[in-house]
Amino acid sequence: MPKAASKAKAPAPAYTKTVAYDVAEQLRTPAEMAAYLDAWLEEAPDDVAGITRALGDIARAKGMSQVARDAGLSRESLYKALSENGNPSFATVLKVARALGVKFHAQPA
């Protein structure tokens, strides 16, 4: 009598775990941070919210508490200014840029 073929169990489908992408985790050096901000300024010069968000990404990469101290702001006001609904004054933007170690550069359009 032939031996009954055993049913091989099919392997369970592999699932890929996804995580939210956080650009701040990719900004490791001052050069990368400056290039990221420069790309925003070049590609979307009228997108105030995007540029503010880019400053926030860089601040998170450097550490919000340290950037807040260096800018002379409270951590809470820095988070608020650089949030999605934030509307920082130009003075705040300049303080944050200085604390981040980046400079703005003007050139003819």
PDB file of N, CA and C in Angstrom:
ATOM      1  N   MET A   1       0.830  -1.159   0.000  1.00  0.00           N
ATOM      2  CA  MET A   1       0.000   0.000   0.000  1.00  0.00           C
ATOM      3  C   MET A   1       0.882   1.231   0.000  1.00  0.00           C
ATOM      4  N   PRO A   2       0.568   2.139  -0.911  1.00  0.00           N
ATOM      5  CA  PRO A   2       1.412   3.340  -0.973  1.00  0.00           C
ATOM      6  C   PRO A   2       1.203   4.208   0.257  1.00  0.00           C
ATOM      7  N   LYS A   3       2.286   4.788   0.646  1.00  0.00           N
ATOM      8  CA  LYS A   3       2.265   5.676   1.798  1.00  0.00           C
ATOM      9  C   LYS A   3       1.546   6.959   1.413  1.00  0.00           C
ATOM     10  N   ALA A   4       0.654   7.458   2.262  1.00  0.00           N
ATOM     11  CA  ALA A   4      -0.086   8.690   1.967  1.00  0.00           C
ATOM     12  C   ALA A   4       0.882   9.860   1.991  1.00  0.00           C
ATOM     13  N   ALA A   5       0.776  10.664   0.974  1.00  0.00           N
ATOM     14  CA  ALA A   5       1.638  11.852   0.897  1.00  0.00           C
ATOM     15  C   ALA A   5       1.232  12.819   2.002  1.00  0.00           C
ATOM     16  N   SER A   6       2.213  13.259   2.754  1.00  0.00           N
ATOM     17  CA  SER A   6       1.884  14.205   3.820  1.00  0.00           C
ATOM     18  C   SER A   6       1.706  15.581   3.206  1.00  0.00           C
ATOM     19  N   LYS A   7       0.721  16.260   3.717  1.00  0.00           N
ATOM     20  CA  LYS A   7       0.466  17.605   3.213  1.00  0.00           C
ATOM     21  C   LYS A   7       1.490  18.548   3.823  1.00  0.00           C
ATOM     22  N   ALA A   8       2.241  19.188   2.972  1.00  0.00           N
ATOM     23  CA  ALA A   8       3.222  20.165   3.456  1.00  0.00           C
ATOM     24  C   ALA A   8       2.491  21.463   3.746  1.00  0.00           C
ATOM     25  N   LYS A   9       2.768  21.985   4.888  1.00  0.00           N
ATOM     26  CA  LYS A   9       2.133  23.235   5.275  1.00  0.00           C
ATOM     27  C   LYS A   9       2.835  24.383   4.557  1.00  0.00           C
ATOM     28  N   ALA A  10       2.054  25.201   3.882  1.00  0.00           N
ATOM     29  CA  ALA A  10       2.625  26.352   3.182  1.00  0.00           C
ATOM     30  C   ALA A  10       3.116  27.370   4.205  1.00  0.00           C
ATOM     31  N   PRO A  11       4.259  27.963   3.954  1.00  0.00           N
ATOM     32  CA  PRO A  11       4.755  28.971   4.903  1.00  0.00           C
ATOM     33  C   PRO A  11       3.801  30.166   4.954  1.00  0.00           C
ATOM     34  N   ALA A  12       3.711  30.731   6.116  1.00  0.00           N
ATOM     35  CA  ALA A  12       2.865  31.916   6.298  1.00  0.00           C
ATOM     36  C   ALA A  12       3.434  33.053   5.458  1.00  0.00           C
ATOM     37  N   PRO A  13       2.559  33.871   4.897  1.00  0.00           N
ATOM     38  CA  PRO A  13       3.068  34.978   4.087  1.00  0.00           C
ATOM     39  C   PRO A  13       3.884  35.940   4.963  1.00  0.00           C
ATOM     40  N   ALA A  14       4.954  36.430   4.379  1.00  0.00           N
ATOM     41  CA  ALA A  14       5.814  37.363   5.108  1.00  0.00           C
ATOM     42  C   ALA A  14       5.177  38.751   5.077  1.00  0.00           C
ATOM     43  N   TYR A  15       5.153  39.384   6.212  1.00  0.00           N
ATOM     44  CA  TYR A  15       4.610  40.728   6.298  1.00  0.00           C
ATOM     45  C   TYR A  15       5.744  41.699   6.528  1.00  0.00           C
ATOM     46  N   THR A  16       5.640  42.832   5.902  1.00  0.00           N
ATOM     47  CA  THR A  16       6.635  43.866   6.075  1.00  0.00           C
ATOM     48  C   THR A  16       6.111  44.888   7.060  1.00  0.00           C
ATOM     49  N   LYS A  17       6.886  45.122   8.072  1.00  0.00           N
ATOM     50  CA  LYS A  17       6.501  46.124   9.053  1.00  0.00           C
ATOM     51  C   LYS A  17       6.939  47.484   8.511  1.00  0.00           C
ATOM     52  N   THR A  18       6.018  48.402   8.477  1.00  0.00           N
ATOM     53  CA  THR A  18       6.355  49.736   7.996  1.00  0.00           C
ATOM     54  C   THR A  18       6.396  50.706   9.162  1.00  0.00           C
ATOM     55  N   VAL A  19       7.231  51.675   9.028  1.00  0.00           N
ATOM     56  CA  VAL A  19       7.336  52.735  10.033  1.00  0.00           C
ATOM     57  C   VAL A  19       7.302  54.071   9.303  1.00  0.00           C
ATOM     58  N   ALA A  20       6.842  55.065   9.992  1.00  0.00           N
ATOM     59  CA  ALA A  20       6.778  56.392   9.385  1.00  0.00           C
ATOM     60  C   ALA A  20       8.194  56.893   9.113  1.00  0.00           C
ATOM     61  N   TYR A  21       8.376  57.507   7.974  1.00  0.00           N
ATOM     62  CA  TYR A  21       9.675  58.064   7.600  1.00  0.00           C
ATOM     63  C   TYR A  21       9.858  59.396   8.320  1.00  0.00           C
ATOM     64  N   ASP A  22      11.001  59.579   8.916  1.00  0.00           N
ATOM     65  CA  ASP A  22      11.310  60.827   9.600  1.00  0.00           C
ATOM     66  C   ASP A  22      12.622  61.358   9.039  1.00  0.00           C
ATOM     67  N   VAL A  23      12.527  62.429   8.268  1.00  0.00           N
ATOM     68  CA  VAL A  23      13.719  62.982   7.628  1.00  0.00           C
ATOM     69  C   VAL A  23      14.756  63.417   8.657  1.00  0.00           C
ATOM     70  N   ALA A  24      14.327  63.794   9.852  1.00  0.00           N
ATOM     71  CA  ALA A  24      15.276  64.235  10.875  1.00  0.00           C
ATOM     72  C   ALA A  24      16.292  63.148  11.210  1.00  0.00           C
ATOM     73  N   GLU A  25      15.898  61.895  11.068  1.00  0.00           N
ATOM     74  CA  GLU A  25      16.813  60.789  11.344  1.00  0.00           C
ATOM     75  C   GLU A  25      17.900  60.668  10.280  1.00  0.00           C
ATOM     76  N   GLN A  26      17.686  61.270   9.125  1.00  0.00           N
ATOM     77  CA  GLN A  26      18.652  61.185   8.029  1.00  0.00           C
ATOM     78  C   GLN A  26      19.630  62.367   8.003  1.00  0.00           C
ATOM     79  N   LEU A  27      19.315  63.396   8.743  1.00  0.00           N
ATOM     80  CA  LEU A  27      20.142  64.601   8.760  1.00  0.00           C
ATOM     81  C   LEU A  27      21.204  64.452   9.846  1.00  0.00           C
ATOM     82  N   ARG A  28      22.378  63.989   9.456  1.00  0.00           N
ATOM     83  CA  ARG A  28      23.395  63.656  10.442  1.00  0.00           C
ATOM     84  C   ARG A  28      24.511  64.686  10.555  1.00  0.00           C
ATOM     85  N   THR A  29      24.800  65.379   9.484  1.00  0.00           N
ATOM     86  CA  THR A  29      25.930  66.307   9.500  1.00  0.00           C
ATOM     87  C   THR A  29      25.440  67.723   9.211  1.00  0.00           C
ATOM     88  N   PRO A  30      26.227  68.731   9.614  1.00  0.00           N
ATOM     89  CA  PRO A  30      25.854  70.109   9.272  1.00  0.00           C
ATOM     90  C   PRO A  30      25.705  70.315   7.765  1.00  0.00           C
ATOM     91  N   ALA A  31      26.525  69.660   6.976  1.00  0.00           N
ATOM     92  CA  ALA A  31      26.427  69.793   5.518  1.00  0.00           C
ATOM     93  C   ALA A  31      25.098  69.243   5.003  1.00  0.00           C
ATOM     94  N   GLU A  32      24.655  68.100   5.537  1.00  0.00           N
ATOM     95  CA  GLU A  32      23.370  67.523   5.126  1.00  0.00           C
ATOM     96  C   GLU A  32      22.218  68.426   5.545  1.00  0.00           C
ATOM     97  N   MET A  33      22.317  69.000   6.728  1.00  0.00           N
ATOM     98  CA  MET A  33      21.270  69.896   7.216  1.00  0.00           C
ATOM     99  C   MET A  33      21.173  71.140   6.350  1.00  0.00           C
ATOM    100  N   ALA A  34      22.318  71.719   6.021  1.00  0.00           N
ATOM    101  CA  ALA A  34      22.338  72.918   5.178  1.00  0.00           C
ATOM    102  C   ALA A  34      21.819  72.602   3.774  1.00  0.00           C
ATOM    103  N   ALA A  35      22.204  71.454   3.235  1.00  0.00           N
ATOM    104  CA  ALA A  35      21.743  71.069   1.889  1.00  0.00           C
ATOM    105  C   ALA A  35      20.236  70.858   1.871  1.00  0.00           C
ATOM    106  N   TYR A  36      19.695  70.284   2.943  1.00  0.00           N
ATOM    107  CA  TYR A  36      18.252  70.052   3.044  1.00  0.00           C
ATOM    108  C   TYR A  36      17.498  71.378   3.061  1.00  0.00           C
ATOM    109  N   LEU A  37      17.950  72.316   3.885  1.00  0.00           N
ATOM    110  CA  LEU A  37      17.295  73.627   3.935  1.00  0.00           C
ATOM    111  C   LEU A  37      17.462  74.356   2.607  1.00  0.00           C
ATOM    112  N   ASP A  38      18.638  74.282   2.027  1.00  0.00           N
ATOM    113  CA  ASP A  38      18.892  74.937   0.748  1.00  0.00           C
ATOM    114  C   ASP A  38      17.984  74.386  -0.348  1.00  0.00           C
ATOM    115  N   ALA A  39      17.737  73.082  -0.323  1.00  0.00           N
ATOM    116  CA  ALA A  39      16.839  72.474  -1.314  1.00  0.00           C
ATOM    117  C   ALA A  39      15.430  73.042  -1.168  1.00  0.00           C
ATOM    118  N   TRP A  40      14.958  73.194   0.071  1.00  0.00           N
ATOM    119  CA  TRP A  40      13.635  73.795   0.284  1.00  0.00           C
ATOM    120  C   TRP A  40      13.606  75.226  -0.235  1.00  0.00           C
ATOM    121  N   LEU A  41      14.632  75.990   0.081  1.00  0.00           N
ATOM    122  CA  LEU A  41      14.668  77.392  -0.352  1.00  0.00           C
ATOM    123  C   LEU A  41      14.730  77.507  -1.870  1.00  0.00           C
ATOM    124  N   GLU A  42      15.410  76.575  -2.508  1.00  0.00           N
ATOM    125  CA  GLU A  42      15.558  76.597  -3.967  1.00  0.00           C
ATOM    126  C   GLU A  42      14.307  76.084  -4.679  1.00  0.00           C
ATOM    127  N   GLU A  43      13.779  74.962  -4.195  1.00  0.00           N
ATOM    128  CA  GLU A  43      12.669  74.304  -4.894  1.00  0.00           C
ATOM    129  C   GLU A  43      11.297  74.876  -4.558  1.00  0.00           C
ATOM    130  N   ALA A  44      11.144  75.423  -3.372  1.00  0.00           N
ATOM    131  CA  ALA A  44       9.830  75.930  -2.955  1.00  0.00           C
ATOM    132  C   ALA A  44      10.001  77.239  -2.186  1.00  0.00           C
ATOM    133  N   PRO A  45      10.547  78.265  -2.828  1.00  0.00           N
ATOM    134  CA  PRO A  45      10.861  79.500  -2.111  1.00  0.00           C
ATOM    135  C   PRO A  45       9.643  80.227  -1.540  1.00  0.00           C
ATOM    136  N   ASP A  46       8.456  79.943  -2.047  1.00  0.00           N
ATOM    137  CA  ASP A  46       7.248  80.610  -1.553  1.00  0.00           C
ATOM    138  C   ASP A  46       6.481  79.769  -0.537  1.00  0.00           C
ATOM    139  N   ASP A  47       6.976  78.578  -0.249  1.00  0.00           N
ATOM    140  CA  ASP A  47       6.292  77.676   0.679  1.00  0.00           C
ATOM    141  C   ASP A  47       6.798  77.927   2.097  1.00  0.00           C
ATOM    142  N   VAL A  48       6.221  78.937   2.737  1.00  0.00           N
ATOM    143  CA  VAL A  48       6.653  79.329   4.078  1.00  0.00           C
ATOM    144  C   VAL A  48       6.490  78.170   5.063  1.00  0.00           C
ATOM    145  N   ALA A  49       5.374  77.466   4.981  1.00  0.00           N
ATOM    146  CA  ALA A  49       5.136  76.340   5.891  1.00  0.00           C
ATOM    147  C   ALA A  49       6.167  75.239   5.663  1.00  0.00           C
ATOM    148  N   GLY A  50       6.519  74.979   4.428  1.00  0.00           N
ATOM    149  CA  GLY A  50       7.512  73.945   4.118  1.00  0.00           C
ATOM    150  C   GLY A  50       8.893  74.312   4.623  1.00  0.00           C
ATOM    151  N   ILE A  51       9.269  75.554   4.438  1.00  0.00           N
ATOM    152  CA  ILE A  51      10.581  76.010   4.907  1.00  0.00           C
ATOM    153  C   ILE A  51      10.626  75.987   6.432  1.00  0.00           C
ATOM    154  N   THR A  52       9.542  76.400   7.066  1.00  0.00           N
ATOM    155  CA  THR A  52       9.463  76.334   8.526  1.00  0.00           C
ATOM    156  C   THR A  52       9.550  74.888   8.995  1.00  0.00           C
ATOM    157  N   ARG A  53       8.862  73.984   8.289  1.00  0.00           N
ATOM    158  CA  ARG A  53       8.915  72.559   8.622  1.00  0.00           C
ATOM    159  C   ARG A  53      10.339  72.026   8.460  1.00  0.00           C
ATOM    160  N   ALA A  54      11.048  72.475   7.416  1.00  0.00           N
ATOM    161  CA  ALA A  54      12.434  72.049   7.213  1.00  0.00           C
ATOM    162  C   ALA A  54      13.312  72.501   8.376  1.00  0.00           C
ATOM    163  N   LEU A  55      13.106  73.734   8.847  1.00  0.00           N
ATOM    164  CA  LEU A  55      13.845  74.200  10.022  1.00  0.00           C
ATOM    165  C   LEU A  55      13.521  73.318  11.232  1.00  0.00           C
ATOM    166  N   GLY A  56      12.261  72.943  11.359  1.00  0.00           N
ATOM    167  CA  GLY A  56      11.859  72.060  12.453  1.00  0.00           C
ATOM    168  C   GLY A  56      12.495  70.681  12.341  1.00  0.00           C
ATOM    169  N   ASP A  57      12.583  70.147  11.124  1.00  0.00           N
ATOM    170  CA  ASP A  57      13.232  68.848  10.912  1.00  0.00           C
ATOM    171  C   ASP A  57      14.699  68.910  11.338  1.00  0.00           C
ATOM    172  N   ILE A  58      15.361  69.986  10.956  1.00  0.00           N
ATOM    173  CA  ILE A  58      16.773  70.140  11.314  1.00  0.00           C
ATOM    174  C   ILE A  58      16.913  70.314  12.819  1.00  0.00           C
ATOM    175  N   ALA A  59      16.011  71.079  13.422  1.00  0.00           N
ATOM    176  CA  ALA A  59      16.060  71.276  14.872  1.00  0.00           C
ATOM    177  C   ALA A  59      15.866  69.946  15.598  1.00  0.00           C
ATOM    178  N   ARG A  60      14.946  69.100  15.111  1.00  0.00           N
ATOM    179  CA  ARG A  60      14.751  67.796  15.736  1.00  0.00           C
ATOM    180  C   ARG A  60      15.990  66.927  15.572  1.00  0.00           C
ATOM    181  N   ALA A  61      16.654  67.035  14.416  1.00  0.00           N
ATOM    182  CA  ALA A  61      17.867  66.258  14.186  1.00  0.00           C
ATOM    183  C   ALA A  61      18.977  66.673  15.152  1.00  0.00           C
ATOM    184  N   LYS A  62      19.055  67.955  15.449  1.00  0.00           N
ATOM    185  CA  LYS A  62      20.085  68.454  16.365  1.00  0.00           C
ATOM    186  C   LYS A  62      19.694  68.307  17.825  1.00  0.00           C
ATOM    187  N   GLY A  63      18.404  68.232  18.073  1.00  0.00           N
ATOM    188  CA  GLY A  63      17.904  68.159  19.445  1.00  0.00           C
ATOM    189  C   GLY A  63      17.204  69.458  19.793  1.00  0.00           C
ATOM    190  N   MET A  64      15.891  69.382  19.941  1.00  0.00           N
ATOM    191  CA  MET A  64      15.073  70.587  20.159  1.00  0.00           C
ATOM    192  C   MET A  64      15.491  71.356  21.402  1.00  0.00           C
ATOM    193  N   SER A  65      15.791  70.653  22.474  1.00  0.00           N
ATOM    194  CA  SER A  65      16.147  71.349  23.717  1.00  0.00           C
ATOM    195  C   SER A  65      17.412  72.180  23.532  1.00  0.00           C
ATOM    196  N   GLN A  66      18.410  71.593  22.875  1.00  0.00           N
ATOM    197  CA  GLN A  66      19.663  72.321  22.659  1.00  0.00           C
ATOM    198  C   GLN A  66      19.456  73.501  21.713  1.00  0.00           C
ATOM    199  N   VAL A  67      18.705  73.307  20.654  1.00  0.00           N
ATOM    200  CA  VAL A  67      18.440  74.397  19.703  1.00  0.00           C
ATOM    201  C   VAL A  67      17.681  75.519  20.400  1.00  0.00           C
ATOM    202  N   ALA A  68      16.701  75.160  21.216  1.00  0.00           N
ATOM    203  CA  ALA A  68      15.933  76.176  21.954  1.00  0.00           C
ATOM    204  C   ALA A  68      16.865  76.994  22.852  1.00  0.00           C
ATOM    205  N   ARG A  69      17.738  76.306  23.592  1.00  0.00           N
ATOM    206  CA  ARG A  69      18.693  77.024  24.454  1.00  0.00           C
ATOM    207  C   ARG A  69      19.583  77.945  23.638  1.00  0.00           C
ATOM    208  N   ASP A  70      20.127  77.418  22.531  1.00  0.00           N
ATOM    209  CA  ASP A  70      21.038  78.205  21.689  1.00  0.00           C
ATOM    210  C   ASP A  70      20.339  79.402  21.045  1.00  0.00           C
ATOM    211  N   ALA A  71      19.033  79.262  20.792  1.00  0.00           N
ATOM    212  CA  ALA A  71      18.263  80.343  20.159  1.00  0.00           C
ATOM    213  C   ALA A  71      17.691  81.313  21.195  1.00  0.00           C
ATOM    214  N   GLY A  72      17.809  80.970  22.475  1.00  0.00           N
ATOM    215  CA  GLY A  72      17.260  81.825  23.517  1.00  0.00           C
ATOM    216  C   GLY A  72      15.744  81.742  23.605  1.00  0.00           C
ATOM    217  N   LEU A  73      15.199  80.580  23.279  1.00  0.00           N
ATOM    218  CA  LEU A  73      13.754  80.360  23.307  1.00  0.00           C
ATOM    219  C   LEU A  73      13.441  79.211  24.246  1.00  0.00           C
ATOM    220  N   SER A  74      12.207  79.144  24.711  1.00  0.00           N
ATOM    221  CA  SER A  74      11.800  77.962  25.468  1.00  0.00           C
ATOM    222  C   SER A  74      11.554  76.839  24.459  1.00  0.00           C
ATOM    223  N   ARG A  75      11.694  75.617  24.932  1.00  0.00           N
ATOM    224  CA  ARG A  75      11.470  74.473  24.053  1.00  0.00           C
ATOM    225  C   ARG A  75      10.045  74.478  23.525  1.00  0.00           C
ATOM    226  N   GLU A  76       9.087  74.837  24.380  1.00  0.00           N
ATOM    227  CA  GLU A  76       7.678  74.865  23.977  1.00  0.00           C
ATOM    228  C   GLU A  76       7.438  75.897  22.881  1.00  0.00           C
ATOM    229  N   SER A  77       8.046  77.092  23.017  1.00  0.00           N
ATOM    230  CA  SER A  77       7.819  78.108  21.987  1.00  0.00           C
ATOM    231  C   SER A  77       8.518  77.736  20.686  1.00  0.00           C
ATOM    232  N   LEU A  78       9.634  77.015  20.780  1.00  0.00           N
ATOM    233  CA  LEU A  78      10.294  76.552  19.555  1.00  0.00           C
ATOM    234  C   LEU A  78       9.418  75.535  18.842  1.00  0.00           C
ATOM    235  N   TYR A  79       8.877  74.567  19.591  1.00  0.00           N
ATOM    236  CA  TYR A  79       7.962  73.590  18.986  1.00  0.00           C
ATOM    237  C   TYR A  79       6.777  74.299  18.344  1.00  0.00           C
ATOM    238  N   LYS A  80       6.205  75.252  19.032  1.00  0.00           N
ATOM    239  CA  LYS A  80       5.036  75.969  18.515  1.00  0.00           C
ATOM    240  C   LYS A  80       5.390  76.744  17.249  1.00  0.00           C
ATOM    241  N   ALA A  81       6.518  77.446  17.268  1.00  0.00           N
ATOM    242  CA  ALA A  81       6.916  78.252  16.108  1.00  0.00           C
ATOM    243  C   ALA A  81       7.178  77.391  14.878  1.00  0.00           C
ATOM    244  N   LEU A  82       7.730  76.200  15.083  1.00  0.00           N
ATOM    245  CA  LEU A  82       8.099  75.345  13.957  1.00  0.00           C
ATOM    246  C   LEU A  82       7.080  74.256  13.664  1.00  0.00           C
ATOM    247  N   SER A  83       5.921  74.336  14.311  1.00  0.00           N
ATOM    248  CA  SER A  83       4.878  73.342  14.077  1.00  0.00           C
ATOM    249  C   SER A  83       4.190  73.604  12.738  1.00  0.00           C
ATOM    250  N   GLU A  84       3.326  72.681  12.368  1.00  0.00           N
ATOM    251  CA  GLU A  84       2.598  72.791  11.099  1.00  0.00           C
ATOM    252  C   GLU A  84       1.790  74.084  11.028  1.00  0.00           C
ATOM    253  N   ASN A  85       1.237  74.511  12.146  1.00  0.00           N
ATOM    254  CA  ASN A  85       0.434  75.730  12.181  1.00  0.00           C
ATOM    255  C   ASN A  85       1.204  76.928  12.714  1.00  0.00           C
ATOM    256  N   GLY A  86       2.493  76.746  12.943  1.00  0.00           N
ATOM    257  CA  GLY A  86       3.305  77.832  13.470  1.00  0.00           C
ATOM    258  C   GLY A  86       3.481  78.943  12.452  1.00  0.00           C
ATOM    259  N   ASN A  87       3.726  80.119  12.953  1.00  0.00           N
ATOM    260  CA  ASN A  87       3.955  81.266  12.091  1.00  0.00           C
ATOM    261  C   ASN A  87       5.040  82.118  12.763  1.00  0.00           C
ATOM    262  N   PRO A  88       6.287  81.619  12.722  1.00  0.00           N
ATOM    263  CA  PRO A  88       7.338  82.316  13.461  1.00  0.00           C
ATOM    264  C   PRO A  88       7.653  83.675  12.850  1.00  0.00           C
ATOM    265  N   SER A  89       8.048  84.595  13.703  1.00  0.00           N
ATOM    266  CA  SER A  89       8.496  85.893  13.196  1.00  0.00           C
ATOM    267  C   SER A  89       9.834  85.689  12.495  1.00  0.00           C
ATOM    268  N   PHE A  90      10.201  86.667  11.681  1.00  0.00           N
ATOM    269  CA  PHE A  90      11.483  86.561  10.987  1.00  0.00           C
ATOM    270  C   PHE A  90      12.626  86.570  11.997  1.00  0.00           C
ATOM    271  N   ALA A  91      12.467  87.316  13.082  1.00  0.00           N
ATOM    272  CA  ALA A  91      13.485  87.336  14.134  1.00  0.00           C
ATOM    273  C   ALA A  91      13.675  85.939  14.716  1.00  0.00           C
ATOM    274  N   THR A  92      12.577  85.203  14.921  1.00  0.00           N
ATOM    275  CA  THR A  92      12.667  83.837  15.434  1.00  0.00           C
ATOM    276  C   THR A  92      13.356  82.934  14.424  1.00  0.00           C
ATOM    277  N   VAL A  93      13.014  83.086  13.153  1.00  0.00           N
ATOM    278  CA  VAL A  93      13.647  82.283  12.103  1.00  0.00           C
ATOM    279  C   VAL A  93      15.156  82.520  12.102  1.00  0.00           C
ATOM    280  N   LEU A  94      15.567  83.772  12.223  1.00  0.00           N
ATOM    281  CA  LEU A  94      17.003  84.078  12.238  1.00  0.00           C
ATOM    282  C   LEU A  94      17.685  83.492  13.470  1.00  0.00           C
ATOM    283  N   LYS A  95      17.034  83.563  14.634  1.00  0.00           N
ATOM    284  CA  LYS A  95      17.597  82.977  15.857  1.00  0.00           C
ATOM    285  C   LYS A  95      17.761  81.467  15.703  1.00  0.00           C
ATOM    286  N   VAL A  96      16.736  80.831  15.157  1.00  0.00           N
ATOM    287  CA  VAL A  96      16.775  79.379  14.973  1.00  0.00           C
ATOM    288  C   VAL A  96      17.864  79.005  13.972  1.00  0.00           C
ATOM    289  N   ALA A  97      17.951  79.735  12.869  1.00  0.00           N
ATOM    290  CA  ALA A  97      18.981  79.449  11.862  1.00  0.00           C
ATOM    291  C   ALA A  97      20.371  79.562  12.484  1.00  0.00           C
ATOM    292  N   ARG A  98      20.575  80.601  13.258  1.00  0.00           N
ATOM    293  CA  ARG A  98      21.878  80.783  13.917  1.00  0.00           C
ATOM    294  C   ARG A  98      22.151  79.622  14.861  1.00  0.00           C
ATOM    295  N   ALA A  99      21.133  79.223  15.632  1.00  0.00           N
ATOM    296  CA  ALA A  99      21.289  78.106  16.571  1.00  0.00           C
ATOM    297  C   ALA A  99      21.555  76.793  15.841  1.00  0.00           C
ATOM    298  N   LEU A 100      21.013  76.665  14.636  1.00  0.00           N
ATOM    299  CA  LEU A 100      21.218  75.453  13.843  1.00  0.00           C
ATOM    300  C   LEU A 100      22.566  75.458  13.130  1.00  0.00           C
ATOM    301  N   GLY A 101      23.199  76.614  13.082  1.00  0.00           N
ATOM    302  CA  GLY A 101      24.482  76.700  12.389  1.00  0.00           C
ATOM    303  C   GLY A 101      24.353  76.830  10.888  1.00  0.00           C
ATOM    304  N   VAL A 102      23.206  77.382  10.424  1.00  0.00           N
ATOM    305  CA  VAL A 102      23.019  77.608   8.989  1.00  0.00           C
ATOM    306  C   VAL A 102      22.869  79.102   8.739  1.00  0.00           C
ATOM    307  N   LYS A 103      23.226  79.514   7.537  1.00  0.00           N
ATOM    308  CA  LYS A 103      23.124  80.917   7.148  1.00  0.00           C
ATOM    309  C   LYS A 103      22.256  81.020   5.908  1.00  0.00           C
ATOM    310  N   PHE A 104      21.561  82.125   5.806  1.00  0.00           N
ATOM    311  CA  PHE A 104      20.820  82.429   4.591  1.00  0.00           C
ATOM    312  C   PHE A 104      21.740  83.241   3.688  1.00  0.00           C
ATOM    313  N   HIS A 105      21.607  83.051   2.400  1.00  0.00           N
ATOM    314  CA  HIS A 105      22.462  83.722   1.435  1.00  0.00           C
ATOM    315  C   HIS A 105      21.593  84.338   0.356  1.00  0.00           C
ATOM    316  N   ALA A 106      21.826  85.598   0.064  1.00  0.00           N
ATOM    317  CA  ALA A 106      21.047  86.279  -0.977  1.00  0.00           C
ATOM    318  C   ALA A 106      21.845  86.263  -2.285  1.00  0.00           C
ATOM    319  N   GLN A 107      21.114  86.105  -3.376  1.00  0.00           N
ATOM    320  CA  GLN A 107      21.710  86.200  -4.711  1.00  0.00           C
ATOM    321  C   GLN A 107      20.647  86.750  -5.655  1.00  0.00           C
ATOM    322  N   PRO A 108      21.084  87.331  -6.744  1.00  0.00           N
ATOM    323  CA  PRO A 108      20.090  87.870  -7.688  1.00  0.00           C
ATOM    324  C   PRO A 108      19.190  86.752  -8.211  1.00  0.00           C
ATOM    325  N   ALA A 109      17.924  87.080  -8.397  1.00  0.00           N
ATOM    326  CA  ALA A 109      16.957  86.084  -8.887  1.00  0.00           C
ATOM    327  C   ALA A 109      17.151  85.802 -10.354  1.00  0.00           C
TER     328      ALA A 109
END
